[in-house]
Amino acid sequence: MILNWKKGVEKMINTLEHGSFKKIKPLLLGLENHPVINGVIDENNPGEIFVDNLIHPETAFIWAKNEMFYLCGKVDNQEFNSELEEYIASVIRVEALPEEDTLNLEIHPNHEWDRSIESIFTRVALLKGERVPFRFHKDWFNRTHTKEVPEGYEVKPISRELVAWDAGHIIKNEIMKFWGESLESFFHKGLGYAVVHGQNVIGTCLSVFVSKNDYEIGINTYDPCHRGKGLATAMARAFIEECLRRDVTPHWTTESFRKDSIVIAKKVGFEQLDNYPVYYLPFEEFVIK
C-alpha cells in the first residue's frame, strides 16, 4: 500500500517524479501549446505535478511555481477531488509559503471544472476573478509604430554581463523566480530585455515560461515613478522583435484589473480574447480548522 501524507491512509494524490511529467500530456486537451503548463512538463521552469495515479494519471493538479495552479483531466474524479482541498492546506501551502503567498487556480479551457470547484473546496471559500488571454498577430505587430525611449533610459538585452552589472540583483532574482537556481537554463532557452536608468534597473520583460516555440511574457516596471513613459511597451517591442527573429511565438495573459497590461498588449500586436475565470485565495487564509 502507498501511504498518504495522512499516516496510514491510502492516498489518491501522488507527486509525479521529475522525469515523469510527460505522462500527463494526454490530459492537456486544448492546452497543447500552453507555455506555462508545458514549461513545467518540459522541466524548463520550476513546478510540481500531483496526480491520481503515477502510472496512468487521469487527473492532474499542476503547480507552475510563482505563477499559477491548474486542474486538468478527468473532472468527476471523486477520490482525487475529495482529497485536494486538505492536500493544498496541509502540504502545498507549507511548501509555498513564504515565497509564494497566493493560490491562483485556473481550469480554462475545460469549463466543466467550474461546476466542480464548489464541491472540491467546501471548507475554504475561494475568491473568483478573471484572466484575460490574448492571441498574437505578427501582421498587427508589424503595423505598430516604434516610439523613442525617453532620454536617460536604455532598453538592453538581458545578458550575463548585464546580470553581473546589476548591483541590486533585480534581474537575477526575477529570472530565478521562474527558472530556478541556475541562470544557464534561461540563457540557453529564454530571452529578455531590461530598461536601465543610470545605475538602476527600472524594469524587465522576460520569458517567464518556455516550451519549445511558445514563450510566455512576464513584464514589470518596478518603481511607479517610472511608469507611464512607454518603457514597458518599449521592452515588450524589443522582446517580440527577438521572438520574430527566433521564429517563436510570444504569449500574453493577464488579470482583468491590470488595465495597463491590457493596453500594452494591444499596442504590440495582441488580440484580446474572452475573459475566463480564475480562483484564488491567500495561502495565509487557506486554513482548514
Protein backbone atom coordinates (compact mmCIF):
# COMPACT_ATOMS: atom_id res chain seq x y z
CA MET A 1 0.00 0.00 0.00
CA ILE A 2 1.16 3.54 -0.78
CA LEU A 3 0.69 5.71 2.28
CA ASN A 4 -0.69 9.20 2.23
CA TRP A 5 0.53 12.41 3.82
CA LYS A 6 -2.02 11.42 6.48
CA LYS A 7 -0.34 8.47 8.19
CA GLY A 8 -1.87 5.10 7.47
CA VAL A 9 -4.35 6.29 4.85
CA GLU A 10 -4.15 5.10 1.26
CA LYS A 11 -3.70 8.13 -0.96
CA MET A 12 -5.25 9.27 -4.20
CA ILE A 13 -2.93 12.27 -4.60
CA ASN A 14 0.60 11.38 -5.63
CA THR A 15 3.55 13.56 -6.59
CA LEU A 16 4.95 12.74 -10.01
CA GLU A 17 8.72 12.40 -10.01
CA HIS A 18 10.70 14.76 -12.20
CA GLY A 19 11.38 12.98 -15.45
CA SER A 20 7.84 11.57 -15.50
CA PHE A 21 5.92 14.79 -16.12
CA LYS A 22 5.15 13.94 -19.74
CA LYS A 23 2.76 11.24 -18.52
CA ILE A 24 0.06 13.91 -18.20
CA LYS A 25 0.37 15.09 -21.83
CA PRO A 26 -2.78 13.17 -22.87
CA LEU A 27 -4.77 15.24 -20.33
CA LEU A 28 -3.96 18.57 -21.97
CA LEU A 29 -6.91 18.89 -24.32
CA GLY A 30 -6.89 22.45 -25.62
CA LEU A 31 -3.63 23.19 -23.78
CA GLU A 32 -1.14 21.60 -26.15
CA ASN A 33 0.66 24.93 -26.79
CA HIS A 34 0.26 26.38 -23.30
CA PRO A 35 3.76 27.73 -22.46
CA VAL A 36 3.28 27.74 -18.67
CA ILE A 37 1.93 24.21 -18.25
CA ASN A 38 4.27 22.79 -20.86
CA GLY A 39 7.20 24.75 -19.48
CA VAL A 40 6.72 22.80 -16.25
CA ILE A 41 6.15 19.48 -18.06
CA ASP A 42 9.30 20.03 -20.14
CA GLU A 43 11.09 20.92 -16.86
CA ASN A 44 12.35 24.20 -18.22
CA ASN A 45 10.65 26.02 -15.35
CA PRO A 46 10.12 25.11 -11.68
CA GLY A 47 6.96 23.23 -10.81
CA GLU A 48 5.35 20.13 -9.38
CA ILE A 49 2.61 17.86 -10.68
CA PHE A 50 0.19 15.91 -8.50
CA VAL A 51 -1.86 13.08 -9.98
CA ASP A 52 -4.35 10.38 -9.04
CA ASN A 53 -2.22 7.56 -10.45
CA LEU A 54 1.52 7.51 -11.01
CA ILE A 55 1.36 5.06 -13.92
CA HIS A 56 -1.78 6.11 -15.78
CA PRO A 57 -2.89 9.51 -14.47
CA GLU A 58 -6.43 10.64 -15.26
CA THR A 59 -6.46 13.91 -13.28
CA ALA A 60 -3.58 16.31 -12.67
CA PHE A 61 -3.04 19.30 -10.40
CA ILE A 62 -0.15 21.31 -11.83
CA TRP A 63 1.85 23.84 -9.83
CA ALA A 64 3.75 26.32 -12.01
CA LYS A 65 5.73 27.96 -9.24
CA ASN A 66 5.40 31.72 -8.78
CA GLU A 67 2.65 31.77 -11.38
CA MET A 68 -0.41 29.52 -11.30
CA PHE A 69 -2.03 26.21 -10.39
CA TYR A 70 -4.01 24.23 -12.98
CA LEU A 71 -6.56 21.42 -12.85
CA CYS A 72 -6.89 19.24 -15.92
CA GLY A 73 -8.04 15.82 -16.97
CA LYS A 74 -10.98 13.81 -15.63
CA VAL A 75 -13.39 16.20 -13.90
CA ASP A 76 -15.51 13.79 -11.87
CA ASN A 77 -12.58 12.05 -10.18
CA GLN A 78 -14.30 11.86 -6.81
CA GLU A 79 -11.49 10.34 -4.76
CA PHE A 80 -8.87 12.75 -6.05
CA ASN A 81 -11.19 15.76 -5.77
CA SER A 82 -12.22 14.89 -2.20
CA GLU A 83 -8.59 14.99 -1.01
CA LEU A 84 -7.39 18.03 -2.92
CA GLU A 85 -8.56 20.78 -0.54
CA GLU A 86 -6.88 19.27 2.50
CA TYR A 87 -3.77 18.39 0.50
CA ILE A 88 -3.36 22.02 -0.51
CA ALA A 89 -3.90 23.20 3.07
CA SER A 90 -1.53 20.73 4.71
CA VAL A 91 1.17 20.10 2.10
CA ILE A 92 1.28 22.66 -0.72
CA ARG A 93 0.58 25.66 1.50
CA VAL A 94 3.52 24.78 3.76
CA GLU A 95 5.88 24.40 0.82
CA ALA A 96 4.69 27.55 -0.94
CA LEU A 97 4.99 29.99 1.96
CA PRO A 98 6.65 32.43 2.28
CA GLU A 99 7.96 32.66 -1.30
CA GLU A 100 4.51 32.31 -2.87
CA ASP A 101 1.68 33.98 -1.00
CA THR A 102 -1.46 33.13 -3.00
CA LEU A 103 -3.13 30.11 -4.55
CA ASN A 104 -4.15 31.10 -8.09
CA LEU A 105 -6.11 28.35 -9.80
CA GLU A 106 -7.04 28.08 -13.48
CA ILE A 107 -9.31 25.48 -15.04
CA HIS A 108 -9.53 27.03 -18.52
CA PRO A 109 -10.43 25.88 -21.17
CA ASN A 110 -12.46 22.97 -19.68
CA HIS A 111 -15.44 24.80 -18.18
CA GLU A 112 -16.80 21.53 -16.78
CA TRP A 113 -14.45 22.18 -13.86
CA ASP A 114 -16.46 25.32 -13.00
CA ARG A 115 -19.27 23.15 -11.67
CA SER A 116 -16.83 21.12 -9.57
CA ILE A 117 -14.96 23.90 -7.78
CA GLU A 118 -17.56 24.41 -5.03
CA SER A 119 -17.78 20.69 -4.39
CA ILE A 120 -13.98 20.40 -4.18
CA PHE A 121 -13.45 23.41 -1.92
CA THR A 122 -16.05 23.07 0.81
CA ARG A 123 -14.14 24.31 3.85
CA VAL A 124 -12.40 27.33 2.33
CA ALA A 125 -14.12 29.93 0.19
CA LEU A 126 -12.09 30.66 -2.93
CA LEU A 127 -12.44 34.11 -4.42
CA LYS A 128 -13.16 34.46 -8.12
CA GLY A 129 -11.54 36.78 -10.62
CA GLU A 130 -10.99 36.94 -14.35
CA ARG A 131 -7.99 36.34 -16.55
CA VAL A 132 -7.54 37.99 -19.93
CA PRO A 133 -5.93 35.90 -22.67
CA PHE A 134 -4.53 37.25 -25.92
CA ARG A 135 -3.57 35.94 -29.33
CA PHE A 136 -0.53 37.34 -31.10
CA HIS A 137 -0.77 38.54 -34.69
CA LYS A 138 2.53 39.14 -36.45
CA ASP A 139 0.94 41.37 -39.10
CA TRP A 140 -0.68 43.52 -36.39
CA PHE A 141 2.70 43.92 -34.71
CA ASN A 142 4.37 44.88 -37.96
CA ARG A 143 1.81 47.67 -38.40
CA THR A 144 2.54 49.21 -34.99
CA HIS A 145 4.85 52.17 -34.64
CA THR A 146 8.03 52.32 -32.60
CA LYS A 147 8.30 55.23 -30.18
CA GLU A 148 11.59 56.60 -28.97
CA VAL A 149 12.63 55.61 -25.47
CA PRO A 150 12.66 58.71 -23.23
CA GLU A 151 16.01 60.40 -22.77
CA GLY A 152 18.07 58.87 -19.97
CA TYR A 153 16.61 55.38 -20.38
CA GLU A 154 18.01 52.47 -22.36
CA VAL A 155 16.48 49.13 -23.35
CA LYS A 156 19.11 46.40 -23.15
CA PRO A 157 19.01 42.65 -23.85
CA ILE A 158 19.42 40.59 -20.71
CA SER A 159 22.88 39.08 -20.90
CA ARG A 160 25.30 37.56 -18.44
CA GLU A 161 27.16 40.86 -18.47
CA LEU A 162 24.03 42.86 -17.63
CA VAL A 163 23.14 40.48 -14.80
CA ALA A 164 26.67 40.88 -13.38
CA TRP A 165 26.43 44.69 -13.72
CA ASP A 166 23.09 44.83 -11.86
CA ALA A 167 24.27 45.56 -8.31
CA GLY A 168 20.75 45.27 -6.91
CA HIS A 169 20.34 41.74 -8.35
CA ILE A 170 16.89 42.68 -9.68
CA ILE A 171 17.34 40.85 -12.98
CA LYS A 172 18.87 37.75 -11.39
CA ASN A 173 16.10 37.49 -8.80
CA GLU A 174 13.41 37.89 -11.45
CA ILE A 175 14.94 35.18 -13.63
CA MET A 176 15.40 32.76 -10.73
CA LYS A 177 11.73 33.05 -9.72
CA PHE A 178 10.81 31.34 -12.98
CA TRP A 179 13.94 29.45 -14.00
CA GLY A 180 15.29 28.03 -10.75
CA GLU A 181 18.69 28.36 -9.15
CA SER A 182 20.74 28.22 -12.34
CA LEU A 183 20.74 31.11 -14.77
CA GLU A 184 22.20 28.95 -17.52
CA SER A 185 18.86 27.39 -18.41
CA PHE A 186 17.42 30.86 -19.01
CA PHE A 187 20.33 31.94 -21.19
CA HIS A 188 20.08 28.66 -23.12
CA LYS A 189 16.30 28.61 -23.70
CA GLY A 190 14.86 32.01 -22.72
CA LEU A 191 15.25 35.66 -23.58
CA GLY A 192 14.59 39.03 -22.04
CA TYR A 193 15.12 42.78 -22.01
CA ALA A 194 15.59 45.34 -19.26
CA VAL A 195 15.24 49.10 -19.01
CA VAL A 196 18.20 50.81 -17.37
CA HIS A 197 18.28 54.34 -16.00
CA GLY A 198 21.71 55.43 -14.81
CA GLN A 199 22.95 52.70 -12.46
CA ASN A 200 19.50 51.26 -11.85
CA VAL A 201 17.36 48.57 -13.45
CA ILE A 202 13.90 50.09 -13.88
CA GLY A 203 12.03 47.17 -15.45
CA THR A 204 12.31 43.76 -17.04
CA CYS A 205 10.47 41.85 -19.76
CA LEU A 206 11.45 38.22 -19.96
CA SER A 207 10.24 34.77 -20.96
CA VAL A 208 8.92 33.52 -17.63
CA PHE A 209 7.87 30.13 -19.05
CA VAL A 210 9.05 28.47 -22.25
CA SER A 211 8.00 25.32 -24.07
CA LYS A 212 9.53 24.64 -27.48
CA ASN A 213 8.44 27.64 -29.61
CA ASP A 214 5.99 29.16 -27.11
CA TYR A 215 7.22 31.98 -24.85
CA GLU A 216 5.12 33.43 -22.01
CA ILE A 217 5.87 37.12 -21.36
CA GLY A 218 6.40 38.48 -17.87
CA ILE A 219 6.79 42.25 -17.70
CA ASN A 220 7.35 44.58 -14.78
CA THR A 221 8.29 48.22 -14.18
CA TYR A 222 9.38 48.18 -10.56
CA ASP A 223 9.21 51.81 -9.46
CA PRO A 224 5.84 53.53 -10.09
CA CYS A 225 7.55 56.86 -10.72
CA HIS A 226 8.93 55.47 -13.98
CA ARG A 227 5.58 54.21 -15.27
CA GLY A 228 3.52 55.94 -17.93
CA LYS A 229 6.57 56.76 -20.06
CA GLY A 230 6.25 53.95 -22.59
CA LEU A 231 9.05 51.88 -21.05
CA ALA A 232 7.02 48.68 -20.70
CA THR A 233 5.86 48.99 -24.31
CA ALA A 234 9.46 49.51 -25.44
CA MET A 235 10.59 46.38 -23.58
CA ALA A 236 7.70 44.38 -25.00
CA ARG A 237 8.51 45.51 -28.55
CA ALA A 238 12.15 44.51 -28.15
CA PHE A 239 11.10 41.14 -26.73
CA ILE A 240 8.67 40.43 -29.58
CA GLU A 241 11.16 41.52 -32.23
CA GLU A 242 13.58 38.95 -30.82
CA CYS A 243 10.81 36.32 -30.81
CA LEU A 244 10.25 37.00 -34.52
CA ARG A 245 13.96 36.72 -35.23
CA ARG A 246 13.94 33.31 -33.49
CA ASP A 247 10.68 32.28 -35.15
CA VAL A 248 8.95 31.62 -31.81
CA THR A 249 5.50 32.71 -30.60
CA PRO A 250 5.05 35.22 -27.76
CA HIS A 251 2.14 34.67 -25.35
CA TRP A 252 0.47 37.25 -23.10
CA THR A 253 -2.05 36.65 -20.31
CA THR A 254 -3.01 39.00 -17.50
CA GLU A 255 -5.69 39.76 -14.90
CA SER A 256 -8.74 41.82 -15.83
CA PHE A 257 -7.87 44.53 -13.30
CA ARG A 258 -4.42 45.12 -14.85
CA LYS A 259 -5.64 47.75 -17.31
CA ASP A 260 -2.14 48.96 -18.22
CA SER A 261 -1.10 45.43 -19.17
CA ILE A 262 -4.14 45.04 -21.41
CA VAL A 263 -3.40 48.34 -23.15
CA ILE A 264 0.26 47.43 -23.73
CA ALA A 265 -0.63 44.01 -25.13
CA LYS A 266 -2.93 45.60 -27.70
CA LYS A 267 -0.20 48.09 -28.66
CA VAL A 268 2.22 45.32 -29.61
CA GLY A 269 0.06 43.10 -31.79
CA PHE A 270 -2.08 41.06 -29.43
CA GLU A 271 -5.79 40.43 -29.89
CA GLN A 272 -7.80 40.37 -26.67
CA LEU A 273 -9.88 37.20 -26.30
CA ASP A 274 -12.77 36.38 -23.98
CA ASN A 275 -12.06 36.55 -20.26
CA TYR A 276 -12.19 33.32 -18.28
CA PRO A 277 -12.46 32.63 -14.52
CA VAL A 278 -9.57 32.26 -12.12
CA TYR A 279 -9.96 31.21 -8.49
CA TYR A 280 -7.67 32.50 -5.79
CA LEU A 281 -7.06 32.74 -2.05
CA PRO A 282 -4.06 33.91 0.00
CA PHE A 283 -2.30 30.89 1.48
CA GLU A 284 -2.46 32.51 4.91
CA GLU A 285 -6.25 32.16 4.67
CA PHE A 286 -6.14 28.64 3.24
CA VAL A 287 -6.56 27.05 6.65
CA ILE A 288 -8.87 24.13 7.46
CA LYS A 289 -9.97 24.13 11.09
